[in-house]
Amino acid sequence: MFVVQREASGLRDSRHIMRTYNVPGEVQLCMGLVPAPAKRK
């Protein structure tokens, strides 16, 4: 939520936050848009 709030206010670079809060790389890889589920036929 914190990163989303920063981006909404125009602060797009999250690298400083990731280093400051020691966010693990595997967590960073899970952040971002989630692809839409595939439509069933």
PDB file of N, CA and C in Angstrom:
ATOM      1  N   MET A   1       0.830  -1.188   0.000  1.00  0.00           N
ATOM      2  CA  MET A   1       0.000   0.000   0.000  1.00  0.00           C
ATOM      3  C   MET A   1       0.877   1.254   0.000  1.00  0.00           C
ATOM      4  N   PHE A   2       1.963   1.205   0.735  1.00  0.00           N
ATOM      5  CA  PHE A   2       2.857   2.366   0.823  1.00  0.00           C
ATOM      6  C   PHE A   2       3.426   2.718  -0.547  1.00  0.00           C
ATOM      7  N   VAL A   3       3.852   1.716  -1.287  1.00  0.00           N
ATOM      8  CA  VAL A   3       4.423   1.945  -2.618  1.00  0.00           C
ATOM      9  C   VAL A   3       3.345   2.495  -3.543  1.00  0.00           C
ATOM     10  N   VAL A   4       2.140   1.972  -3.449  1.00  0.00           N
ATOM     11  CA  VAL A   4       1.043   2.454  -4.289  1.00  0.00           C
ATOM     12  C   VAL A   4       0.757   3.921  -3.995  1.00  0.00           C
ATOM     13  N   GLN A   5       0.738   4.295  -2.722  1.00  0.00           N
ATOM     14  CA  GLN A   5       0.491   5.687  -2.349  1.00  0.00           C
ATOM     15  C   GLN A   5       1.595   6.593  -2.887  1.00  0.00           C
ATOM     16  N   ARG A   6       2.837   6.146  -2.809  1.00  0.00           N
ATOM     17  CA  ARG A   6       3.945   6.953  -3.334  1.00  0.00           C
ATOM     18  C   ARG A   6       3.803   7.145  -4.832  1.00  0.00           C
ATOM     19  N   GLU A   7       3.491   6.061  -5.544  1.00  0.00           N
ATOM     20  CA  GLU A   7       3.356   6.149  -6.990  1.00  0.00           C
ATOM     21  C   GLU A   7       2.183   7.043  -7.379  1.00  0.00           C
ATOM     22  N   ALA A   8       1.094   6.979  -6.625  1.00  0.00           N
ATOM     23  CA  ALA A   8      -0.074   7.815  -6.912  1.00  0.00           C
ATOM     24  C   ALA A   8       0.238   9.296  -6.729  1.00  0.00           C
ATOM     25  N   SER A   9       1.179   9.606  -5.849  1.00  0.00           N
ATOM     26  CA  SER A   9       1.542  11.006  -5.625  1.00  0.00           C
ATOM     27  C   SER A   9       2.696  11.452  -6.516  1.00  0.00           C
ATOM     28  N   GLY A  10       3.110  10.597  -7.463  1.00  0.00           N
ATOM     29  CA  GLY A  10       4.118  10.989  -8.436  1.00  0.00           C
ATOM     30  C   GLY A  10       5.532  10.513  -8.135  1.00  0.00           C
ATOM     31  N   LEU A  11       5.743   9.824  -7.040  1.00  0.00           N
ATOM     32  CA  LEU A  11       7.073   9.318  -6.681  1.00  0.00           C
ATOM     33  C   LEU A  11       7.211   7.900  -7.235  1.00  0.00           C
ATOM     34  N   ARG A  12       7.689   7.793  -8.438  1.00  0.00           N
ATOM     35  CA  ARG A  12       7.678   6.516  -9.164  1.00  0.00           C
ATOM     36  C   ARG A  12       8.848   5.581  -8.841  1.00  0.00           C
ATOM     37  N   ASP A  13       9.951   6.100  -8.344  1.00  0.00           N
ATOM     38  CA  ASP A  13      11.136   5.270  -8.104  1.00  0.00           C
ATOM     39  C   ASP A  13      11.064   4.645  -6.710  1.00  0.00           C
ATOM     40  N   SER A  14      10.855   3.339  -6.645  1.00  0.00           N
ATOM     41  CA  SER A  14      10.694   2.643  -5.360  1.00  0.00           C
ATOM     42  C   SER A  14      11.982   1.992  -4.864  1.00  0.00           C
ATOM     43  N   ARG A  15      13.080   2.139  -5.607  1.00  0.00           N
ATOM     44  CA  ARG A  15      14.324   1.459  -5.203  1.00  0.00           C
ATOM     45  C   ARG A  15      14.788   1.870  -3.815  1.00  0.00           C
ATOM     46  N   HIS A  16      14.689   3.169  -3.495  1.00  0.00           N
ATOM     47  CA  HIS A  16      15.113   3.649  -2.174  1.00  0.00           C
ATOM     48  C   HIS A  16      14.284   2.987  -1.069  1.00  0.00           C
ATOM     49  N   ILE A  17      12.990   2.880  -1.276  1.00  0.00           N
ATOM     50  CA  ILE A  17      12.108   2.255  -0.286  1.00  0.00           C
ATOM     51  C   ILE A  17      12.452   0.779  -0.118  1.00  0.00           C
ATOM     52  N   MET A  18      12.713   0.100  -1.228  1.00  0.00           N
ATOM     53  CA  MET A  18      13.037  -1.329  -1.154  1.00  0.00           C
ATOM     54  C   MET A  18      14.320  -1.554  -0.351  1.00  0.00           C
ATOM     55  N   ARG A  19      15.307  -0.682  -0.537  1.00  0.00           N
ATOM     56  CA  ARG A  19      16.565  -0.804   0.221  1.00  0.00           C
ATOM     57  C   ARG A  19      16.354  -0.430   1.688  1.00  0.00           C
ATOM     58  N   THR A  20      15.631   0.663   1.948  1.00  0.00           N
ATOM     59  CA  THR A  20      15.427   1.153   3.317  1.00  0.00           C
ATOM     60  C   THR A  20      14.705   0.127   4.180  1.00  0.00           C
ATOM     61  N   TYR A  21      13.688  -0.503   3.617  1.00  0.00           N
ATOM     62  CA  TYR A  21      12.895  -1.462   4.366  1.00  0.00           C
ATOM     63  C   TYR A  21      13.350  -2.908   4.161  1.00  0.00           C
ATOM     64  N   ASN A  22      14.468  -3.094   3.450  1.00  0.00           N
ATOM     65  CA  ASN A  22      15.025  -4.434   3.226  1.00  0.00           C
ATOM     66  C   ASN A  22      13.982  -5.425   2.693  1.00  0.00           C
ATOM     67  N   VAL A  23      13.266  -5.001   1.668  1.00  0.00           N
ATOM     68  CA  VAL A  23      12.252  -5.864   1.056  1.00  0.00           C
ATOM     69  C   VAL A  23      12.984  -6.942   0.255  1.00  0.00           C
ATOM     70  N   PRO A  24      12.744  -8.224   0.569  1.00  0.00           N
ATOM     71  CA  PRO A  24      13.430  -9.307  -0.147  1.00  0.00           C
ATOM     72  C   PRO A  24      13.106  -9.295  -1.643  1.00  0.00           C
ATOM     73  N   GLY A  25      14.062  -9.740  -2.436  1.00  0.00           N
ATOM     74  CA  GLY A  25      13.881  -9.794  -3.880  1.00  0.00           C
ATOM     75  C   GLY A  25      12.691 -10.619  -4.299  1.00  0.00           C
ATOM     76  N   GLU A  26      12.444 -11.738  -3.589  1.00  0.00           N
ATOM     77  CA  GLU A  26      11.309 -12.587  -3.970  1.00  0.00           C
ATOM     78  C   GLU A  26       9.979 -11.869  -3.741  1.00  0.00           C
ATOM     79  N   VAL A  27       9.926 -10.997  -2.755  1.00  0.00           N
ATOM     80  CA  VAL A  27       8.710 -10.203  -2.518  1.00  0.00           C
ATOM     81  C   VAL A  27       8.575  -9.150  -3.613  1.00  0.00           C
ATOM     82  N   GLN A  28       9.688  -8.511  -3.979  1.00  0.00           N
ATOM     83  CA  GLN A  28       9.652  -7.497  -5.023  1.00  0.00           C
ATOM     84  C   GLN A  28       9.177  -8.088  -6.344  1.00  0.00           C
ATOM     85  N   LEU A  29       9.547  -9.333  -6.612  1.00  0.00           N
ATOM     86  CA  LEU A  29       9.114  -9.978  -7.847  1.00  0.00           C
ATOM     87  C   LEU A  29       7.605 -10.214  -7.870  1.00  0.00           C
ATOM     88  N   CYS A  30       6.982 -10.316  -6.712  1.00  0.00           N
ATOM     89  CA  CYS A  30       5.538 -10.544  -6.633  1.00  0.00           C
ATOM     90  C   CYS A  30       4.735  -9.248  -6.693  1.00  0.00           C
ATOM     91  N   MET A  31       5.407  -8.112  -6.611  1.00  0.00           N
ATOM     92  CA  MET A  31       4.724  -6.825  -6.629  1.00  0.00           C
ATOM     93  C   MET A  31       4.394  -6.428  -8.060  1.00  0.00           C
ATOM     94  N   GLY A  32       3.329  -5.694  -8.224  1.00  0.00           N
ATOM     95  CA  GLY A  32       2.962  -5.200  -9.542  1.00  0.00           C
ATOM     96  C   GLY A  32       1.616  -5.726  -9.979  1.00  0.00           C
ATOM     97  N   LEU A  33       1.351  -5.554 -11.255  1.00  0.00           N
ATOM     98  CA  LEU A  33       0.072  -5.984 -11.800  1.00  0.00           C
ATOM     99  C   LEU A  33      -0.033  -7.496 -11.813  1.00  0.00           C
ATOM    100  N   VAL A  34      -1.211  -7.972 -11.535  1.00  0.00           N
ATOM    101  CA  VAL A  34      -1.482  -9.403 -11.589  1.00  0.00           C
ATOM    102  C   VAL A  34      -2.210  -9.658 -12.910  1.00  0.00           C
ATOM    103  N   PRO A  35      -1.711 -10.601 -13.703  1.00  0.00           N
ATOM    104  CA  PRO A  35      -2.386 -10.874 -14.970  1.00  0.00           C
ATOM    105  C   PRO A  35      -3.817 -11.357 -14.765  1.00  0.00           C
ATOM    106  N   ALA A  36      -4.693 -10.977 -15.682  1.00  0.00           N
ATOM    107  CA  ALA A  36      -6.086 -11.423 -15.602  1.00  0.00           C
ATOM    108  C   ALA A  36      -6.136 -12.930 -15.803  1.00  0.00           C
ATOM    109  N   PRO A  37      -7.041 -13.597 -15.093  1.00  0.00           N
ATOM    110  CA  PRO A  37      -7.159 -15.051 -15.292  1.00  0.00           C
ATOM    111  C   PRO A  37      -7.614 -15.360 -16.708  1.00  0.00           C
ATOM    112  N   ALA A  38      -7.165 -16.487 -17.215  1.00  0.00           N
ATOM    113  CA  ALA A  38      -7.537 -16.904 -18.562  1.00  0.00           C
ATOM    114  C   ALA A  38      -9.018 -17.234 -18.611  1.00  0.00           C
ATOM    115  N   LYS A  39      -9.651 -16.830 -19.695  1.00  0.00           N
ATOM    116  CA  LYS A  39     -11.084 -17.116 -19.846  1.00  0.00           C
ATOM    117  C   LYS A  39     -11.275 -18.575 -20.220  1.00  0.00           C
ATOM    118  N   ARG A  40     -12.269 -19.190 -19.610  1.00  0.00           N
ATOM    119  CA  ARG A  40     -12.593 -20.577 -19.930  1.00  0.00           C
ATOM    120  C   ARG A  40     -13.432 -20.626 -21.200  1.00  0.00           C
ATOM    121  N   LYS A  41     -13.200 -21.666 -21.978  1.00  0.00           N
ATOM    122  CA  LYS A  41     -13.963 -21.803 -23.223  1.00  0.00           C
ATOM    123  C   LYS A  41     -15.164 -22.655 -23.028  1.00  0.00           C
TER     124      LYS A  41
END
